[in-house]
Amino acid sequence: MDPIWWILMLVGILVVFFLLIYWGFYNKIIRMENRIDNSWAQIDVQLKRRADLIPNLMETVKGYMKHEKEVLENVTKARSALMNAKTPQENINADNMLTGALKSLFAVSENYPDLKANQNFLNLQDELTNTENKIAYSRQHFNDSVLAYNNTIETFPGVWFAKRMGRKEREMLQIPEASRELPKVTF
């Protein structure tokens, strides 16, 4: 056999090998992006679920907390902001606002023994707690998905393929600075 033929065959094998690797990384990166999108959708579902619980909670609380108008208005504004959020960042900001408003609502509810004993209020509070746990789990899953994706596109050889595909690092969900502060407990 002619040496040129061997060289052409070797080049052909290398091209096929390279294309197979590129195809594999392309599919891997697409699957990881889809996992991130799915993780965000799960967060969005839980945020909507929580927002849907708010009107029932507000109706239950209104009769008891007539003098807490500002607290009730803050919860309503925060829910509205969450329902109208268009981008993930707007969603996160509105969610943080709603979390703070609900904390205030539950703190003020401590001053109303009849409200604290109301079965409807207790059920809604349990539902919200359950939903908060699901949101926390969904956020963790989102961040895990983003970490795996970022690791793939920032390490060799994935970085090389990601650049050619125009893929960039994704941001993880962050805890706002105000939430990092430890609550002060006094007796």
N, C-alpha and C. Protein backbone atom coordinates (compact mmCIF):
# COMPACT_ATOMS: atom_id res chain seq x y z
N MET A 1 0.82 -1.19 0.00
CA MET A 1 0.00 0.00 0.00
C MET A 1 0.86 1.25 0.00
N ASP A 2 0.32 2.23 -0.62
CA ASP A 2 1.00 3.51 -0.77
C ASP A 2 0.98 4.27 0.57
N PRO A 3 2.09 4.94 0.99
CA PRO A 3 2.12 5.67 2.26
C PRO A 3 1.11 6.82 2.30
N ILE A 4 0.80 7.41 1.17
CA ILE A 4 -0.19 8.51 1.12
C ILE A 4 -1.56 7.97 1.54
N TRP A 5 -1.86 6.76 1.09
CA TRP A 5 -3.13 6.14 1.45
C TRP A 5 -3.22 5.95 2.95
N TRP A 6 -2.12 5.52 3.59
CA TRP A 6 -2.09 5.33 5.04
C TRP A 6 -2.29 6.67 5.76
N ILE A 7 -1.68 7.69 5.25
CA ILE A 7 -1.82 9.02 5.86
C ILE A 7 -3.26 9.50 5.74
N LEU A 8 -3.85 9.34 4.57
CA LEU A 8 -5.26 9.74 4.38
C LEU A 8 -6.19 8.94 5.28
N MET A 9 -5.93 7.66 5.41
CA MET A 9 -6.75 6.82 6.28
C MET A 9 -6.59 7.26 7.75
N LEU A 10 -5.38 7.56 8.16
CA LEU A 10 -5.13 8.02 9.53
C LEU A 10 -5.82 9.36 9.77
N VAL A 11 -5.73 10.28 8.82
CA VAL A 11 -6.40 11.58 8.95
C VAL A 11 -7.91 11.37 9.02
N GLY A 12 -8.43 10.50 8.18
CA GLY A 12 -9.87 10.20 8.19
C GLY A 12 -10.32 9.63 9.53
N ILE A 13 -9.54 8.72 10.09
CA ILE A 13 -9.86 8.14 11.39
C ILE A 13 -9.83 9.21 12.47
N LEU A 14 -8.84 10.10 12.43
CA LEU A 14 -8.75 11.18 13.41
C LEU A 14 -9.92 12.14 13.29
N VAL A 15 -10.34 12.45 12.07
CA VAL A 15 -11.48 13.33 11.87
C VAL A 15 -12.75 12.70 12.42
N VAL A 16 -12.96 11.42 12.12
CA VAL A 16 -14.15 10.71 12.64
C VAL A 16 -14.09 10.66 14.16
N PHE A 17 -12.91 10.37 14.73
CA PHE A 17 -12.74 10.32 16.18
C PHE A 17 -13.08 11.68 16.80
N PHE A 18 -12.55 12.75 16.20
CA PHE A 18 -12.82 14.10 16.70
C PHE A 18 -14.32 14.42 16.61
N LEU A 19 -14.95 14.09 15.49
CA LEU A 19 -16.39 14.35 15.33
C LEU A 19 -17.22 13.58 16.36
N LEU A 20 -16.83 12.35 16.65
CA LEU A 20 -17.56 11.57 17.66
C LEU A 20 -17.42 12.21 19.06
N ILE A 21 -16.23 12.67 19.37
CA ILE A 21 -16.02 13.34 20.67
C ILE A 21 -16.82 14.63 20.72
N TYR A 22 -16.78 15.41 19.63
CA TYR A 22 -17.54 16.66 19.59
C TYR A 22 -19.03 16.39 19.73
N TRP A 23 -19.52 15.39 19.04
CA TRP A 23 -20.93 15.01 19.11
C TRP A 23 -21.30 14.62 20.54
N GLY A 24 -20.43 13.85 21.20
CA GLY A 24 -20.67 13.44 22.58
C GLY A 24 -20.73 14.63 23.53
N PHE A 25 -19.79 15.55 23.41
CA PHE A 25 -19.79 16.72 24.28
C PHE A 25 -20.96 17.65 23.97
N TYR A 26 -21.28 17.78 22.70
CA TYR A 26 -22.43 18.60 22.32
C TYR A 26 -23.70 18.07 23.01
N ASN A 27 -23.92 16.78 22.90
CA ASN A 27 -25.11 16.18 23.52
C ASN A 27 -25.07 16.29 25.04
N LYS A 28 -23.89 16.11 25.62
CA LYS A 28 -23.76 16.21 27.08
C LYS A 28 -24.09 17.63 27.55
N ILE A 29 -23.59 18.63 26.86
CA ILE A 29 -23.83 20.02 27.24
C ILE A 29 -25.31 20.36 27.08
N ILE A 30 -25.93 19.90 26.00
CA ILE A 30 -27.36 20.16 25.78
C ILE A 30 -28.18 19.49 26.89
N ARG A 31 -27.85 18.25 27.24
CA ARG A 31 -28.58 17.56 28.32
C ARG A 31 -28.44 18.33 29.64
N MET A 32 -27.26 18.83 29.91
CA MET A 32 -27.04 19.58 31.15
C MET A 32 -27.80 20.90 31.15
N GLU A 33 -27.85 21.57 30.01
CA GLU A 33 -28.63 22.80 29.92
C GLU A 33 -30.12 22.50 30.13
N ASN A 34 -30.59 21.41 29.58
CA ASN A 34 -31.99 21.03 29.77
C ASN A 34 -32.27 20.70 31.23
N ARG A 35 -31.32 20.08 31.91
CA ARG A 35 -31.49 19.77 33.33
C ARG A 35 -31.59 21.06 34.15
N ILE A 36 -30.78 22.05 33.80
CA ILE A 36 -30.83 23.34 34.49
C ILE A 36 -32.19 23.99 34.26
N ASP A 37 -32.65 23.99 33.00
CA ASP A 37 -33.96 24.58 32.68
C ASP A 37 -35.08 23.86 33.43
N ASN A 38 -34.98 22.54 33.51
CA ASN A 38 -35.99 21.77 34.24
C ASN A 38 -35.93 22.10 35.73
N SER A 39 -34.73 22.24 36.27
CA SER A 39 -34.59 22.58 37.69
C SER A 39 -35.22 23.93 37.98
N TRP A 40 -35.01 24.90 37.08
CA TRP A 40 -35.61 26.21 37.28
C TRP A 40 -37.14 26.11 37.20
N ALA A 41 -37.64 25.30 36.28
CA ALA A 41 -39.09 25.13 36.14
C ALA A 41 -39.68 24.54 37.43
N GLN A 42 -38.96 23.65 38.09
CA GLN A 42 -39.44 23.08 39.35
C GLN A 42 -39.51 24.15 40.44
N ILE A 43 -38.53 25.03 40.48
CA ILE A 43 -38.56 26.14 41.43
C ILE A 43 -39.77 27.01 41.14
N ASP A 44 -39.96 27.32 39.88
CA ASP A 44 -41.07 28.18 39.45
C ASP A 44 -42.42 27.58 39.86
N VAL A 45 -42.56 26.26 39.71
CA VAL A 45 -43.81 25.58 40.10
C VAL A 45 -44.06 25.76 41.59
N GLN A 46 -43.02 25.58 42.39
CA GLN A 46 -43.19 25.69 43.85
C GLN A 46 -43.47 27.14 44.26
N LEU A 47 -42.84 28.09 43.58
CA LEU A 47 -43.12 29.50 43.89
C LEU A 47 -44.57 29.84 43.56
N LYS A 48 -45.05 29.32 42.45
CA LYS A 48 -46.45 29.55 42.07
C LYS A 48 -47.38 28.89 43.08
N ARG A 49 -47.03 27.69 43.51
CA ARG A 49 -47.86 26.99 44.51
C ARG A 49 -47.95 27.82 45.78
N ARG A 50 -46.82 28.35 46.20
CA ARG A 50 -46.82 29.16 47.42
C ARG A 50 -47.66 30.42 47.20
N ALA A 51 -47.49 31.05 46.05
CA ALA A 51 -48.27 32.27 45.76
C ALA A 51 -49.77 31.96 45.72
N ASP A 52 -50.14 30.78 45.26
CA ASP A 52 -51.55 30.39 45.23
C ASP A 52 -52.13 30.16 46.63
N LEU A 53 -51.29 29.82 47.59
CA LEU A 53 -51.74 29.62 48.96
C LEU A 53 -51.99 30.95 49.69
N ILE A 54 -51.34 32.00 49.24
CA ILE A 54 -51.40 33.29 49.93
C ILE A 54 -52.82 33.84 50.04
N PRO A 55 -53.63 33.86 48.97
CA PRO A 55 -54.98 34.43 49.13
C PRO A 55 -55.81 33.73 50.22
N ASN A 56 -55.70 32.41 50.31
CA ASN A 56 -56.42 31.68 51.36
C ASN A 56 -55.91 32.06 52.74
N LEU A 57 -54.61 32.19 52.85
CA LEU A 57 -54.01 32.60 54.12
C LEU A 57 -54.49 34.00 54.49
N MET A 58 -54.50 34.90 53.52
CA MET A 58 -54.90 36.28 53.77
C MET A 58 -56.36 36.35 54.22
N GLU A 59 -57.22 35.58 53.61
CA GLU A 59 -58.64 35.58 54.00
C GLU A 59 -58.80 35.08 55.43
N THR A 60 -58.02 34.08 55.79
CA THR A 60 -58.09 33.54 57.15
C THR A 60 -57.60 34.56 58.16
N VAL A 61 -56.56 35.28 57.82
CA VAL A 61 -55.91 36.20 58.74
C VAL A 61 -56.66 37.53 58.87
N LYS A 62 -57.29 37.98 57.80
CA LYS A 62 -57.92 39.31 57.77
C LYS A 62 -58.86 39.55 58.94
N GLY A 63 -59.68 38.60 59.23
CA GLY A 63 -60.66 38.79 60.30
C GLY A 63 -60.02 38.99 61.66
N TYR A 64 -58.87 38.40 61.88
CA TYR A 64 -58.22 38.49 63.18
C TYR A 64 -57.30 39.70 63.29
N MET A 65 -56.67 40.06 62.19
CA MET A 65 -55.61 41.07 62.24
C MET A 65 -56.05 42.39 61.62
N LYS A 66 -57.12 42.95 62.10
CA LYS A 66 -57.65 44.18 61.54
C LYS A 66 -56.70 45.36 61.71
N HIS A 67 -55.86 45.31 62.74
CA HIS A 67 -54.97 46.43 63.03
C HIS A 67 -53.59 46.26 62.40
N GLU A 68 -53.41 45.23 61.63
CA GLU A 68 -52.10 44.95 61.03
C GLU A 68 -52.15 45.17 59.51
N LYS A 69 -52.73 46.26 59.12
CA LYS A 69 -52.96 46.55 57.70
C LYS A 69 -51.65 46.56 56.90
N GLU A 70 -50.60 47.14 57.43
CA GLU A 70 -49.33 47.24 56.71
C GLU A 70 -48.74 45.85 56.43
N VAL A 71 -48.82 44.97 57.40
CA VAL A 71 -48.29 43.62 57.22
C VAL A 71 -49.06 42.92 56.10
N LEU A 72 -50.37 43.03 56.12
CA LEU A 72 -51.20 42.39 55.10
C LEU A 72 -50.93 42.99 53.72
N GLU A 73 -50.74 44.30 53.65
CA GLU A 73 -50.45 44.95 52.37
C GLU A 73 -49.09 44.50 51.83
N ASN A 74 -48.11 44.35 52.71
CA ASN A 74 -46.79 43.90 52.27
C ASN A 74 -46.84 42.50 51.67
N VAL A 75 -47.61 41.62 52.28
CA VAL A 75 -47.76 40.26 51.75
C VAL A 75 -48.43 40.32 50.38
N THR A 76 -49.46 41.13 50.25
CA THR A 76 -50.18 41.26 48.98
C THR A 76 -49.26 41.83 47.89
N LYS A 77 -48.49 42.85 48.21
CA LYS A 77 -47.56 43.44 47.24
C LYS A 77 -46.50 42.42 46.81
N ALA A 78 -45.98 41.70 47.78
CA ALA A 78 -44.94 40.72 47.48
C ALA A 78 -45.48 39.60 46.59
N ARG A 79 -46.68 39.15 46.87
CA ARG A 79 -47.30 38.10 46.05
C ARG A 79 -47.51 38.62 44.63
N SER A 80 -47.98 39.83 44.51
CA SER A 80 -48.20 40.42 43.20
C SER A 80 -46.90 40.52 42.41
N ALA A 81 -45.84 40.92 43.08
CA ALA A 81 -44.53 41.02 42.43
C ALA A 81 -44.07 39.64 41.94
N LEU A 82 -44.31 38.61 42.74
CA LEU A 82 -43.93 37.25 42.35
C LEU A 82 -44.74 36.78 41.15
N MET A 83 -46.02 37.07 41.14
CA MET A 83 -46.88 36.63 40.04
C MET A 83 -46.55 37.37 38.74
N ASN A 84 -46.01 38.59 38.84
CA ASN A 84 -45.71 39.39 37.66
C ASN A 84 -44.25 39.30 37.22
N ALA A 85 -43.43 38.54 37.94
CA ALA A 85 -42.01 38.42 37.60
C ALA A 85 -41.86 37.72 36.24
N LYS A 86 -40.97 38.26 35.43
CA LYS A 86 -40.75 37.72 34.08
C LYS A 86 -39.44 36.95 33.96
N THR A 87 -38.41 37.40 34.65
CA THR A 87 -37.10 36.77 34.53
C THR A 87 -36.78 36.01 35.82
N PRO A 88 -35.84 35.06 35.75
CA PRO A 88 -35.44 34.37 36.98
C PRO A 88 -34.99 35.32 38.08
N GLN A 89 -34.24 36.38 37.73
CA GLN A 89 -33.77 37.32 38.75
C GLN A 89 -34.94 38.07 39.39
N GLU A 90 -35.91 38.50 38.59
CA GLU A 90 -37.11 39.15 39.14
C GLU A 90 -37.85 38.18 40.04
N ASN A 91 -37.91 36.92 39.62
CA ASN A 91 -38.57 35.89 40.41
C ASN A 91 -37.89 35.70 41.76
N ILE A 92 -36.58 35.66 41.75
CA ILE A 92 -35.81 35.49 42.98
C ILE A 92 -36.02 36.68 43.91
N ASN A 93 -35.95 37.89 43.35
CA ASN A 93 -36.14 39.09 44.17
C ASN A 93 -37.54 39.13 44.78
N ALA A 94 -38.55 38.80 43.98
CA ALA A 94 -39.92 38.80 44.48
C ALA A 94 -40.11 37.71 45.52
N ASP A 95 -39.49 36.56 45.30
CA ASP A 95 -39.58 35.47 46.27
C ASP A 95 -38.98 35.88 47.60
N ASN A 96 -37.84 36.56 47.56
CA ASN A 96 -37.21 37.02 48.79
C ASN A 96 -38.10 38.03 49.51
N MET A 97 -38.75 38.90 48.74
CA MET A 97 -39.66 39.89 49.32
C MET A 97 -40.86 39.18 49.98
N LEU A 98 -41.39 38.16 49.30
CA LEU A 98 -42.52 37.42 49.85
C LEU A 98 -42.13 36.64 51.10
N THR A 99 -40.96 36.06 51.09
CA THR A 99 -40.48 35.33 52.27
C THR A 99 -40.40 36.25 53.48
N GLY A 100 -39.86 37.46 53.28
CA GLY A 100 -39.78 38.43 54.38
C GLY A 100 -41.15 38.86 54.86
N ALA A 101 -42.08 39.08 53.93
CA ALA A 101 -43.43 39.49 54.30
C ALA A 101 -44.15 38.39 55.07
N LEU A 102 -43.96 37.14 54.65
CA LEU A 102 -44.59 36.03 55.37
C LEU A 102 -44.00 35.85 56.76
N LYS A 103 -42.70 36.08 56.90
CA LYS A 103 -42.08 36.00 58.22
C LYS A 103 -42.71 37.05 59.15
N SER A 104 -42.91 38.24 58.62
CA SER A 104 -43.55 39.30 59.42
C SER A 104 -44.97 38.91 59.79
N LEU A 105 -45.69 38.34 58.83
CA LEU A 105 -47.08 37.93 59.08
C LEU A 105 -47.14 36.89 60.19
N PHE A 106 -46.28 35.88 60.10
CA PHE A 106 -46.31 34.83 61.12
C PHE A 106 -45.81 35.34 62.47
N ALA A 107 -44.89 36.28 62.46
CA ALA A 107 -44.43 36.87 63.72
C ALA A 107 -45.56 37.64 64.39
N VAL A 108 -46.29 38.43 63.60
CA VAL A 108 -47.40 39.22 64.14
C VAL A 108 -48.54 38.30 64.59
N SER A 109 -48.71 37.18 63.91
CA SER A 109 -49.80 36.25 64.28
C SER A 109 -49.63 35.71 65.69
N GLU A 110 -48.41 35.76 66.21
CA GLU A 110 -48.18 35.30 67.58
C GLU A 110 -48.97 36.14 68.59
N ASN A 111 -49.32 37.36 68.23
CA ASN A 111 -50.07 38.24 69.12
C ASN A 111 -51.58 37.94 69.12
N TYR A 112 -52.01 36.98 68.31
CA TYR A 112 -53.44 36.68 68.17
C TYR A 112 -53.68 35.20 68.49
N PRO A 113 -53.95 34.89 69.76
CA PRO A 113 -54.12 33.49 70.17
C PRO A 113 -55.27 32.80 69.43
N ASP A 114 -56.34 33.51 69.14
CA ASP A 114 -57.46 32.89 68.42
C ASP A 114 -57.04 32.49 67.01
N LEU A 115 -56.23 33.32 66.39
CA LEU A 115 -55.75 33.02 65.05
C LEU A 115 -54.82 31.81 65.08
N LYS A 116 -53.92 31.78 66.06
CA LYS A 116 -52.99 30.66 66.17
C LYS A 116 -53.71 29.34 66.40
N ALA A 117 -54.91 29.40 66.97
CA ALA A 117 -55.68 28.19 67.24
C ALA A 117 -56.60 27.81 66.07
N ASN A 118 -56.75 28.69 65.10
CA ASN A 118 -57.63 28.45 63.97
C ASN A 118 -57.06 27.32 63.10
N GLN A 119 -57.87 26.28 62.88
CA GLN A 119 -57.42 25.11 62.13
C GLN A 119 -57.05 25.46 60.68
N ASN A 120 -57.82 26.34 60.07
CA ASN A 120 -57.53 26.77 58.71
C ASN A 120 -56.14 27.42 58.64
N PHE A 121 -55.87 28.31 59.59
CA PHE A 121 -54.58 29.00 59.64
C PHE A 121 -53.45 27.99 59.85
N LEU A 122 -53.65 27.04 60.75
CA LEU A 122 -52.62 26.03 61.02
C LEU A 122 -52.36 25.17 59.78
N ASN A 123 -53.43 24.80 59.07
CA ASN A 123 -53.27 23.99 57.86
C ASN A 123 -52.51 24.76 56.78
N LEU A 124 -52.88 26.03 56.61
CA LEU A 124 -52.19 26.85 55.61
C LEU A 124 -50.73 27.07 55.99
N GLN A 125 -50.49 27.25 57.27
CA GLN A 125 -49.11 27.43 57.73
C GLN A 125 -48.29 26.16 57.45
N ASP A 126 -48.89 25.00 57.69
CA ASP A 126 -48.21 23.74 57.38
C ASP A 126 -47.95 23.59 55.88
N GLU A 127 -48.93 23.94 55.07
CA GLU A 127 -48.77 23.88 53.61
C GLU A 127 -47.64 24.79 53.16
N LEU A 128 -47.59 25.99 53.71
CA LEU A 128 -46.52 26.93 53.34
C LEU A 128 -45.15 26.40 53.78
N THR A 129 -45.09 25.82 54.96
CA THR A 129 -43.83 25.24 55.44
C THR A 129 -43.39 24.11 54.52
N ASN A 130 -44.33 23.25 54.14
CA ASN A 130 -44.04 22.15 53.23
C ASN A 130 -43.54 22.68 51.88
N THR A 131 -44.19 23.72 51.39
CA THR A 131 -43.80 24.32 50.11
C THR A 131 -42.43 24.95 50.22
N GLU A 132 -42.14 25.62 51.35
CA GLU A 132 -40.82 26.22 51.55
C GLU A 132 -39.73 25.14 51.49
N ASN A 133 -40.01 23.97 52.08
CA ASN A 133 -39.05 22.87 52.03
C ASN A 133 -38.83 22.40 50.60
N LYS A 134 -39.90 22.34 49.82
CA LYS A 134 -39.78 21.94 48.42
C LYS A 134 -39.00 22.98 47.62
N ILE A 135 -39.22 24.24 47.92
CA ILE A 135 -38.48 25.31 47.25
C ILE A 135 -36.99 25.18 47.56
N ALA A 136 -36.67 24.94 48.83
CA ALA A 136 -35.26 24.79 49.22
C ALA A 136 -34.62 23.61 48.50
N TYR A 137 -35.34 22.49 48.42
CA TYR A 137 -34.81 21.33 47.72
C TYR A 137 -34.63 21.64 46.23
N SER A 138 -35.60 22.31 45.63
CA SER A 138 -35.53 22.65 44.21
C SER A 138 -34.36 23.59 43.93
N ARG A 139 -34.13 24.52 44.83
CA ARG A 139 -32.98 25.43 44.67
C ARG A 139 -31.67 24.66 44.75
N GLN A 140 -31.60 23.72 45.68
CA GLN A 140 -30.40 22.90 45.81
C GLN A 140 -30.17 22.10 44.53
N HIS A 141 -31.24 21.50 43.99
CA HIS A 141 -31.12 20.73 42.75
C HIS A 141 -30.67 21.63 41.60
N PHE A 142 -31.22 22.84 41.53
CA PHE A 142 -30.82 23.80 40.49
C PHE A 142 -29.33 24.10 40.60
N ASN A 143 -28.87 24.43 41.80
CA ASN A 143 -27.46 24.76 41.99
C ASN A 143 -26.56 23.57 41.69
N ASP A 144 -27.00 22.35 42.05
CA ASP A 144 -26.22 21.15 41.71
C ASP A 144 -26.12 20.98 40.20
N SER A 145 -27.21 21.23 39.50
CA SER A 145 -27.21 21.12 38.03
C SER A 145 -26.30 22.17 37.41
N VAL A 146 -26.34 23.39 37.93
CA VAL A 146 -25.48 24.46 37.42
C VAL A 146 -24.02 24.13 37.69
N LEU A 147 -23.73 23.59 38.87
CA LEU A 147 -22.35 23.23 39.21
C LEU A 147 -21.82 22.17 38.24
N ALA A 148 -22.59 21.13 37.97
CA ALA A 148 -22.15 20.09 37.05
C ALA A 148 -21.93 20.67 35.65
N TYR A 149 -22.83 21.52 35.21
CA TYR A 149 -22.70 22.16 33.90
C TYR A 149 -21.45 23.03 33.84
N ASN A 150 -21.29 23.89 34.83
CA ASN A 150 -20.13 24.79 34.85
C ASN A 150 -18.83 24.00 34.90
N ASN A 151 -18.80 22.93 35.68
CA ASN A 151 -17.59 22.11 35.74
C ASN A 151 -17.28 21.50 34.37
N THR A 152 -18.31 21.07 33.67
CA THR A 152 -18.11 20.46 32.35
C THR A 152 -17.58 21.46 31.34
N ILE A 153 -18.14 22.68 31.34
CA ILE A 153 -17.72 23.64 30.30
C ILE A 153 -16.47 24.43 30.69
N GLU A 154 -16.00 24.27 31.93
CA GLU A 154 -14.82 25.02 32.35
C GLU A 154 -13.57 24.15 32.48
N THR A 155 -13.72 22.82 32.32
CA THR A 155 -12.57 21.93 32.41
C THR A 155 -12.27 21.35 31.03
N PHE A 156 -11.04 20.91 30.87
CA PHE A 156 -10.62 20.36 29.58
C PHE A 156 -11.14 18.93 29.45
N PRO A 157 -11.62 18.53 28.32
CA PRO A 157 -11.72 19.20 27.04
C PRO A 157 -13.04 19.94 26.83
N GLY A 158 -13.94 19.90 27.82
CA GLY A 158 -15.23 20.54 27.68
C GLY A 158 -15.14 22.03 27.39
N VAL A 159 -14.14 22.71 27.96
CA VAL A 159 -13.98 24.14 27.74
C VAL A 159 -13.77 24.43 26.26
N TRP A 160 -13.03 23.59 25.60
CA TRP A 160 -12.76 23.78 24.18
C TRP A 160 -14.04 23.66 23.35
N PHE A 161 -14.83 22.64 23.67
CA PHE A 161 -16.09 22.44 22.94
C PHE A 161 -17.11 23.52 23.28
N ALA A 162 -17.18 23.90 24.54
CA ALA A 162 -18.16 24.90 24.98
C ALA A 162 -17.90 26.24 24.29
N LYS A 163 -16.64 26.61 24.14
CA LYS A 163 -16.31 27.87 23.46
C LYS A 163 -16.78 27.84 22.01
N ARG A 164 -16.59 26.73 21.35
CA ARG A 164 -17.01 26.62 19.97
C ARG A 164 -18.53 26.59 19.83
N MET A 165 -19.21 26.16 20.88
CA MET A 165 -20.67 26.13 20.89
C MET A 165 -21.26 27.44 21.40
N GLY A 166 -20.41 28.34 21.87
CA GLY A 166 -20.89 29.62 22.39
C GLY A 166 -21.55 29.51 23.76
N ARG A 167 -21.20 28.50 24.52
CA ARG A 167 -21.81 28.29 25.83
C ARG A 167 -21.00 29.02 26.90
N LYS A 168 -21.73 29.60 27.85
CA LYS A 168 -21.10 30.36 28.93
C LYS A 168 -21.55 29.80 30.28
N GLU A 169 -20.80 30.15 31.29
CA GLU A 169 -21.08 29.73 32.65
C GLU A 169 -22.46 30.25 33.08
N ARG A 170 -23.19 29.44 33.83
CA ARG A 170 -24.49 29.84 34.37
C ARG A 170 -24.31 30.25 35.83
N GLU A 171 -25.22 31.12 36.28
CA GLU A 171 -25.15 31.58 37.67
C GLU A 171 -25.98 30.70 38.58
N MET A 172 -25.44 30.48 39.77
CA MET A 172 -26.18 29.75 40.79
C MET A 172 -27.10 30.71 41.52
N LEU A 173 -28.11 30.17 42.16
CA LEU A 173 -28.98 30.98 42.99
C LEU A 173 -28.23 31.33 44.27
N GLN A 174 -28.28 32.58 44.64
CA GLN A 174 -27.56 33.06 45.82
C GLN A 174 -28.55 33.44 46.91
N ILE A 175 -28.11 33.31 48.13
CA ILE A 175 -28.90 33.77 49.27
C ILE A 175 -28.62 35.25 49.44
N PRO A 176 -29.67 36.08 49.56
CA PRO A 176 -29.43 37.51 49.77
C PRO A 176 -28.70 37.74 51.10
N GLU A 177 -27.90 38.78 51.14
CA GLU A 177 -27.12 39.08 52.34
C GLU A 177 -27.99 39.18 53.59
N ALA A 178 -29.18 39.75 53.47
CA ALA A 178 -30.06 39.91 54.63
C ALA A 178 -30.45 38.55 55.21
N SER A 179 -30.55 37.53 54.37
CA SER A 179 -30.92 36.20 54.85
C SER A 179 -29.76 35.47 55.50
N ARG A 180 -28.56 35.93 55.30
CA ARG A 180 -27.38 35.28 55.88
C ARG A 180 -27.22 35.61 57.37
N GLU A 181 -27.82 36.69 57.80
CA GLU A 181 -27.68 37.10 59.18
C GLU A 181 -28.43 36.12 60.09
N LEU A 182 -27.79 35.76 61.18
CA LEU A 182 -28.42 34.85 62.13
C LEU A 182 -29.49 35.59 62.91
N PRO A 183 -30.64 34.95 63.08
CA PRO A 183 -31.68 35.62 63.86
C PRO A 183 -31.26 35.73 65.32
N LYS A 184 -31.69 36.81 65.96
CA LYS A 184 -31.37 37.00 67.37
C LYS A 184 -32.49 36.42 68.20
N VAL A 185 -32.12 35.50 69.05
CA VAL A 185 -33.09 34.85 69.92
C VAL A 185 -32.84 35.32 71.35
N THR A 186 -33.85 35.87 71.96
CA THR A 186 -33.72 36.32 73.34
C THR A 186 -34.86 35.75 74.16
N PHE A 187 -34.58 35.53 75.40
CA PHE A 187 -35.61 35.02 76.33
C PHE A 187 -35.79 35.97 77.48
